[in-house]
C-alpha atoms as a PDB file:
ATOM      1  CA  MET A   1     154.739  77.117 104.699  1.00  0.00           C
ATOM      2  CA  PHE A   2     157.724  79.462 104.840  1.00  0.00           C
ATOM      3  CA  PRO A   3     157.450  81.921 107.701  1.00  0.00           C
ATOM      4  CA  MET A   4     158.510  85.624 106.587  1.00  0.00           C
ATOM      5  CA  MET A   5     157.713  89.014 107.099  1.00  0.00           C
ATOM      6  CA  VAL A   6     156.068  90.790 104.596  1.00  0.00           C
ATOM      7  CA  ASN A   7     155.441  94.887 103.615  1.00  0.00           C
ATOM      8  CA  ILE A   8     152.086  95.435 102.690  1.00  0.00           C
ATOM      9  CA  ARG A   9     151.945  99.150 103.180  1.00  0.00           C
ATOM     10  CA  ASP A  10     149.765 100.572 100.242  1.00  0.00           C
ATOM     11  CA  LYS A  11     150.157  97.063  98.558  1.00  0.00           C
ATOM     12  CA  LYS A  12     146.130  95.983  96.903  1.00  0.00           C
ATOM     13  CA  VAL A  13     144.321  93.578  99.170  1.00  0.00           C
ATOM     14  CA  VAL A  14     141.357  92.081  98.383  1.00  0.00           C
ATOM     15  CA  VAL A  15     138.728  90.835 100.686  1.00  0.00           C
ATOM     16  CA  ILE A  16     135.768  88.798  98.918  1.00  0.00           C
ATOM     17  CA  GLY A  17     132.956  88.246 101.670  1.00  0.00           C
ATOM     18  CA  GLY A  18     131.554  91.026 104.448  1.00  0.00           C
ATOM     19  CA  GLY A  19     130.818  89.087 107.454  1.00  0.00           C
ATOM     20  CA  LYS A  20     132.231  88.704 111.026  1.00  0.00           C
ATOM     21  CA  ILE A  21     135.335  86.866 109.924  1.00  0.00           C
ATOM     22  CA  ALA A  22     135.773  89.012 106.750  1.00  0.00           C
ATOM     23  CA  ALA A  23     135.831  92.057 109.388  1.00  0.00           C
ATOM     24  CA  LYS A  24     138.180  90.488 111.694  1.00  0.00           C
ATOM     25  CA  ARG A  25     140.622  89.773 109.107  1.00  0.00           C
ATOM     26  CA  ILE A  26     140.445  93.112 107.719  1.00  0.00           C
ATOM     27  CA  GLU A  27     141.011  95.054 111.026  1.00  0.00           C
ATOM     28  CA  THR A  28     144.086  92.876 111.649  1.00  0.00           C
ATOM     29  CA  LEU A  29     145.368  93.900 107.929  1.00  0.00           C
ATOM     30  CA  LEU A  30     144.531  97.557 108.424  1.00  0.00           C
ATOM     31  CA  ARG A  31     147.450  97.786 111.299  1.00  0.00           C
ATOM     32  CA  PHE A  32     150.050  97.222 108.266  1.00  0.00           C
ATOM     33  CA  GLN A  33     148.297  99.647 105.920  1.00  0.00           C
ATOM     34  CA  PRO A  34     147.626  98.203 102.928  1.00  0.00           C
ATOM     35  CA  ASN A  35     144.655  99.242 100.227  1.00  0.00           C
ATOM     36  CA  ILE A  36     141.841  97.129 101.013  1.00  0.00           C
ATOM     37  CA  THR A  37     138.785  96.233  98.871  1.00  0.00           C
ATOM     38  CA  VAL A  38     135.740  94.880  99.814  1.00  0.00           C
ATOM     39  CA  ILE A  39     133.826  92.939  97.131  1.00  0.00           C
ATOM     40  CA  SER A  40     130.807  91.673  99.065  1.00  0.00           C
ATOM     41  CA  PRO A  41     126.785  92.433  98.830  1.00  0.00           C
ATOM     42  CA  MET A  42     126.191  93.029 102.322  1.00  0.00           C
ATOM     43  CA  LEU A  43     129.039  94.449 105.165  1.00  0.00           C
ATOM     44  CA  GLU A  44     128.937  93.427 108.833  1.00  0.00           C
ATOM     45  CA  GLU A  45     128.111  96.541 110.515  1.00  0.00           C
ATOM     46  CA  ARG A  46     131.343  97.513 111.767  1.00  0.00           C
ATOM     47  CA  LEU A  47     132.709  97.928 108.538  1.00  0.00           C
ATOM     48  CA  HIS A  48     130.337 100.572 107.582  1.00  0.00           C
ATOM     49  CA  ALA A  49     132.500 103.340 109.570  1.00  0.00           C
ATOM     50  CA  LEU A  50     135.538 102.030 107.866  1.00  0.00           C
ATOM     51  CA  VAL A  51     133.974 102.431 104.301  1.00  0.00           C
ATOM     52  CA  GLU A  52     132.433 105.694 105.189  1.00  0.00           C
ATOM     53  CA  ASN A  53     135.459 107.176 106.192  1.00  0.00           C
ATOM     54  CA  GLY A  54     137.626 105.896 103.202  1.00  0.00           C
ATOM     55  CA  VAL A  55     139.820 103.512 105.487  1.00  0.00           C
ATOM     56  CA  ILE A  56     138.930 100.731 103.165  1.00  0.00           C
ATOM     57  CA  GLU A  57     136.976 100.575  99.311  1.00  0.00           C
ATOM     58  CA  HIS A  58     133.588  98.523  99.312  1.00  0.00           C
ATOM     59  CA  LYS A  59     131.958  97.118  95.969  1.00  0.00           C
ATOM     60  CA  ALA A  60     128.587  96.010  96.652  1.00  0.00           C
ATOM     61  CA  LYS A  61     128.566  93.531  94.456  1.00  0.00           C
ATOM     62  CA  SER A  62     128.975  89.443  93.715  1.00  0.00           C
ATOM     63  CA  PHE A  63     132.427  88.702  93.093  1.00  0.00           C
ATOM     64  CA  GLN A  64     133.513  88.690  89.617  1.00  0.00           C
ATOM     65  CA  THR A  65     136.709  86.617  88.311  1.00  0.00           C
ATOM     66  CA  CYS A  66     138.234  90.462  87.403  1.00  0.00           C
ATOM     67  CA  ASP A  67     137.882  91.287  91.151  1.00  0.00           C
ATOM     68  CA  VAL A  68     141.508  89.862  92.127  1.00  0.00           C
ATOM     69  CA  GLN A  69     143.324  91.364  89.031  1.00  0.00           C
ATOM     70  CA  GLY A  70     146.574  93.316  90.580  1.00  0.00           C
ATOM     71  CA  ALA A  71     146.284  92.328  94.178  1.00  0.00           C
ATOM     72  CA  LEU A  72     149.042  91.245  96.312  1.00  0.00           C
ATOM     73  CA  LEU A  73     146.902  89.293  98.804  1.00  0.00           C
ATOM     74  CA  VAL A  74     143.148  88.075  98.222  1.00  0.00           C
ATOM     75  CA  ILE A  75     141.116  86.595 101.070  1.00  0.00           C
ATOM     76  CA  ALA A  76     138.053  84.399 100.426  1.00  0.00           C
ATOM     77  CA  ALA A  77     136.036  84.969 103.334  1.00  0.00           C
ATOM     78  CA  THR A  78     132.670  83.850 102.479  1.00  0.00           C
ATOM     79  CA  ASN A  79     130.615  80.757 103.795  1.00  0.00           C
ATOM     80  CA  ASN A  80     129.800  79.948 100.356  1.00  0.00           C
ATOM     81  CA  THR A  81     131.833  77.249  98.972  1.00  0.00           C
ATOM     82  CA  ALA A  82     131.771  77.635  95.762  1.00  0.00           C
ATOM     83  CA  VAL A  83     132.434  81.329  95.946  1.00  0.00           C
ATOM     84  CA  ASN A  84     135.517  80.707  97.562  1.00  0.00           C
ATOM     85  CA  GLN A  85     136.582  78.069  94.960  1.00  0.00           C
ATOM     86  CA  LEU A  86     135.651  80.617  92.095  1.00  0.00           C
ATOM     87  CA  VAL A  87     138.045  82.594  94.142  1.00  0.00           C
ATOM     88  CA  LYS A  88     140.748  80.155  94.092  1.00  0.00           C
ATOM     89  CA  GLU A  89     140.708  79.490  90.451  1.00  0.00           C
ATOM     90  CA  SER A  90     140.435  83.407  89.698  1.00  0.00           C
ATOM     91  CA  CYS A  91     143.756  84.169  91.290  1.00  0.00           C
ATOM     92  CA  HIS A  92     147.240  84.077  89.560  1.00  0.00           C
ATOM     93  CA  THR A  93     149.522  81.190  90.969  1.00  0.00           C
ATOM     94  CA  ASN A  94     152.204  84.501  92.256  1.00  0.00           C
ATOM     95  CA  GLN A  95     149.125  85.797  94.171  1.00  0.00           C
ATOM     96  CA  LEU A  96     148.970  85.007  98.121  1.00  0.00           C
ATOM     97  CA  LEU A  97     145.630  83.800  99.184  1.00  0.00           C
ATOM     98  CA  ASN A  98     143.876  82.848 101.883  1.00  0.00           C
ATOM     99  CA  ILE A  99     140.477  80.858 102.228  1.00  0.00           C
ATOM    100  CA  ILE A 100     139.144  81.303 105.554  1.00  0.00           C
ATOM    101  CA  ASP A 101     137.942  77.585 105.777  1.00  0.00           C
ATOM    102  CA  ASP A 102     140.632  75.841 104.005  1.00  0.00           C
ATOM    103  CA  PRO A 103     144.149  76.202 104.927  1.00  0.00           C
ATOM    104  CA  ALA A 104     145.116  73.293 103.089  1.00  0.00           C
ATOM    105  CA  ASN A 105     144.221  75.544  99.605  1.00  0.00           C
ATOM    106  CA  SER A 106     145.756  78.601 101.124  1.00  0.00           C
ATOM    107  CA  SER A 107     148.751  79.883 100.431  1.00  0.00           C
ATOM    108  CA  PHE A 108     149.162  82.057 103.267  1.00  0.00           C
ATOM    109  CA  HIS A 109     147.450  81.798 106.881  1.00  0.00           C
ATOM    110  CA  PHE A 110     146.485  84.113 109.373  1.00  0.00           C
ATOM    111  CA  PRO A 111     149.079  83.577 112.629  1.00  0.00           C
ATOM    112  CA  ALA A 112     148.145  84.248 115.982  1.00  0.00           C
ATOM    113  CA  MET A 113     149.928  87.803 116.516  1.00  0.00           C
ATOM    114  CA  TYR A 114     150.864  90.707 118.693  1.00  0.00           C
ATOM    115  CA  GLU A 115     152.802  93.776 118.177  1.00  0.00           C
ATOM    116  CA  LYS A 116     153.992  96.251 120.395  1.00  0.00           C
ATOM    117  CA  ASN A 117     156.998  98.624 120.244  1.00  0.00           C
ATOM    118  CA  GLU A 118     157.979  97.786 116.723  1.00  0.00           C
ATOM    119  CA  ILE A 119     158.263  93.748 117.903  1.00  0.00           C
ATOM    120  CA  THR A 120     155.838  91.859 116.027  1.00  0.00           C
ATOM    121  CA  ILE A 121     155.165  88.225 117.106  1.00  0.00           C
ATOM    122  CA  ALA A 122     153.506  85.671 115.203  1.00  0.00           C
ATOM    123  CA  VAL A 123     152.685  82.180 115.732  1.00  0.00           C
ATOM    124  CA  THR A 124     150.784  79.293 113.610  1.00  0.00           C
ATOM    125  CA  THR A 125     150.100  75.620 113.904  1.00  0.00           C
ATOM    126  CA  SER A 126     149.372  75.597 110.208  1.00  0.00           C
ATOM    127  CA  GLY A 127     145.747  74.811 111.038  1.00  0.00           C
ATOM    128  CA  ILE A 128     146.407  72.284 113.684  1.00  0.00           C
ATOM    129  CA  SER A 129     145.323  74.413 116.633  1.00  0.00           C
ATOM    130  CA  PRO A 130     144.728  77.716 116.399  1.00  0.00           C
ATOM    131  CA  MET A 131     144.019  77.900 120.456  1.00  0.00           C
ATOM    132  CA  LEU A 132     147.583  76.647 121.066  1.00  0.00           C
ATOM    133  CA  ALA A 133     148.779  79.173 118.929  1.00  0.00           C
ATOM    134  CA  LYS A 134     146.870  81.994 120.640  1.00  0.00           C
ATOM    135  CA  ASN A 135     147.908  80.024 123.867  1.00  0.00           C
ATOM    136  CA  LEU A 136     151.603  80.460 123.180  1.00  0.00           C
ATOM    137  CA  ARG A 137     151.000  84.252 121.357  1.00  0.00           C
ATOM    138  CA  ASP A 138     150.144  85.246 124.992  1.00  0.00           C
ATOM    139  CA  ASP A 139     152.955  83.352 126.438  1.00  0.00           C
ATOM    140  CA  PHE A 140     155.459  85.627 124.341  1.00  0.00           C
ATOM    141  CA  ALA A 141     152.995  88.595 124.668  1.00  0.00           C
ATOM    142  CA  ALA A 142     153.700  88.463 128.645  1.00  0.00           C
ATOM    143  CA  ILE A 143     157.309  88.608 127.819  1.00  0.00           C
ATOM    144  CA  ILE A 144     157.130  91.840 125.503  1.00  0.00           C
ATOM    145  CA  GLU A 145     155.201  93.789 127.920  1.00  0.00           C
ATOM    146  CA  GLY A 146     157.607  93.428 130.519  1.00  0.00           C
ATOM    147  CA  ILE A 147     160.379  95.039 127.900  1.00  0.00           C
ATOM    148  CA  ASP A 148     161.212  98.956 128.797  1.00  0.00           C
ATOM    149  CA  PRO A 149     160.245 100.798 125.512  1.00  0.00           C
ATOM    150  CA  GLU A 150     163.176 102.653 126.219  1.00  0.00           C
ATOM    151  CA  TYR A 151     166.061  99.642 126.026  1.00  0.00           C
ATOM    152  CA  LEU A 152     164.297  98.844 122.876  1.00  0.00           C
ATOM    153  CA  LEU A 153     165.576 102.383 121.757  1.00  0.00           C
ATOM    154  CA  PHE A 154     168.892 102.001 123.306  1.00  0.00           C
ATOM    155  CA  LEU A 155     169.184  98.693 121.167  1.00  0.00           C
ATOM    156  CA  LYS A 156     168.224 100.178 117.766  1.00  0.00           C
ATOM    157  CA  GLU A 157     170.681 103.521 118.515  1.00  0.00           C
ATOM    158  CA  VAL A 158     173.340 100.697 119.382  1.00  0.00           C
ATOM    159  CA  ARG A 159     172.732  98.645 115.930  1.00  0.00           C
ATOM    160  CA  GLN A 160     173.388 102.117 114.251  1.00  0.00           C
ATOM    161  CA  LEU A 161     176.372 103.034 115.767  1.00  0.00           C
ATOM    162  CA  VAL A 162     177.679  99.281 114.985  1.00  0.00           C
ATOM    163  CA  LYS A 163     176.847  99.705 111.544  1.00  0.00           C
ATOM    164  CA  ALA A 164     178.068 102.984 111.045  1.00  0.00           C
ATOM    165  CA  GLY A 165     181.808 102.319 113.357  1.00  0.00           C
ATOM    166  CA  GLN A 166     184.969 101.170 111.419  1.00  0.00           C
ATOM    167  CA  PHE A 167     184.600  97.210 113.836  1.00  0.00           C
ATOM    168  CA  THR A 168     185.500  94.068 112.214  1.00  0.00           C
ATOM    169  CA  LYS A 169     182.924  91.593 111.921  1.00  0.00           C
ATOM    170  CA  GLU A 170     183.950  90.039 115.349  1.00  0.00           C
ATOM    171  CA  GLN A 171     183.748  93.297 117.045  1.00  0.00           C
ATOM    172  CA  LYS A 172     180.364  93.933 115.922  1.00  0.00           C
ATOM    173  CA  ARG A 173     179.100  90.674 116.761  1.00  0.00           C
ATOM    174  CA  PHE A 174     180.315  91.182 120.607  1.00  0.00           C
ATOM    175  CA  LEU A 175     178.841  94.456 120.564  1.00  0.00           C
ATOM    176  CA  LEU A 176     175.550  93.374 119.430  1.00  0.00           C
ATOM    177  CA  ALA A 177     175.636  90.634 121.896  1.00  0.00           C
ATOM    178  CA  GLU A 178     177.086  92.419 125.025  1.00  0.00           C
ATOM    179  CA  CYS A 179     174.016  94.968 124.615  1.00  0.00           C
ATOM    180  CA  LEU A 180     171.729  91.880 125.120  1.00  0.00           C
ATOM    181  CA  GLU A 181     172.816  91.282 128.612  1.00  0.00           C
ATOM    182  CA  ASP A 182     170.509  92.042 131.253  1.00  0.00           C
ATOM    183  CA  TYR A 183     171.909  95.020 133.290  1.00  0.00           C
ATOM    184  CA  TYR A 184     171.265  97.141 130.423  1.00  0.00           C
ATOM    185  CA  GLN A 185     167.303  96.290 130.343  1.00  0.00           C
ATOM    186  CA  ILE A 186     167.048  97.764 133.762  1.00  0.00           C
ATOM    187  CA  ASP A 187     169.767 100.400 134.317  1.00  0.00           C
ATOM    188  CA  ALA A 188     169.294 103.279 132.190  1.00  0.00           C
ATOM    189  CA  HIS A 189     172.661 105.314 133.590  1.00  0.00           C
ATOM    190  CA  MET A 190     174.771 101.489 131.895  1.00  0.00           C
ATOM    191  CA  ARG A 191     173.043 102.113 128.582  1.00  0.00           C
ATOM    192  CA  THR A 192     174.257 105.647 128.294  1.00  0.00           C
ATOM    193  CA  MET A 193     177.737 104.770 129.630  1.00  0.00           C
ATOM    194  CA  PHE A 194     177.387 102.299 126.871  1.00  0.00           C
ATOM    195  CA  LEU A 195     176.265 104.115 124.213  1.00  0.00           C
ATOM    196  CA  GLU A 196     178.997 106.948 124.799  1.00  0.00           C
ATOM    197  CA  LYS A 197     181.701 104.174 125.155  1.00  0.00           C
ATOM    198  CA  LEU A 198     180.387 102.932 121.459  1.00  0.00           C
ATOM    199  CA  ASP A 199     180.486 106.590 120.048  1.00  0.00           C
ATOM    200  CA  ALA A 200     184.005 107.179 121.184  1.00  0.00           C
ATOM    201  CA  ALA A 201     185.063 104.026 119.628  1.00  0.00           C
ATOM    202  CA  LYS A 202     183.177 104.033 116.173  1.00  0.00           C
ATOM    203  CA  ASN A 203     186.390 104.586 114.301  1.00  0.00           C
ATOM    204  CA  GLY A 204     187.237 101.067 115.785  1.00  0.00           C
ATOM    205  CA  ILE A 205     188.066  99.435 119.059  1.00  0.00           C
END
């Protein structure tokens, strides 16, 4: 599968099923602020508060083909194979579908994911070993935990200055590589000096 980051903010997401796995998927998706509708006669306890607070919408009924209309993402999270198959048959070929117990017939997977300070990592083994994916995610997460948030803000400001400045492609490449040196990660004074020099040279080096 082709890995990519997708902006799902305010996009329609339909989850069929209201059990523990559906709840887990919903909690993951909510971090990215989509509009989630859950189709299920019953709901996992922890989802009730989300419905009551208007965070997600709940339709207390069995699945019908029309329920997936207009959705960007569709998640079949029931324990009924026949219902999950009906969800699959109801989806348009351009809709992204995840069937929780059938990765081979899903068009996207939920990776092992970690997000902090605008860094998002996602690891998948395409269903071969979810546990390995989680272990790899934790290894990367340990690296991210060690990154100073102020350093990330520094990188953001450097990129903005470089993009706005009158630099050649080679100069831009050099500057963006230079700010990744270890000493900028640990020395706030060095970061300040770099930004000052960069701002002074914004009309070209």
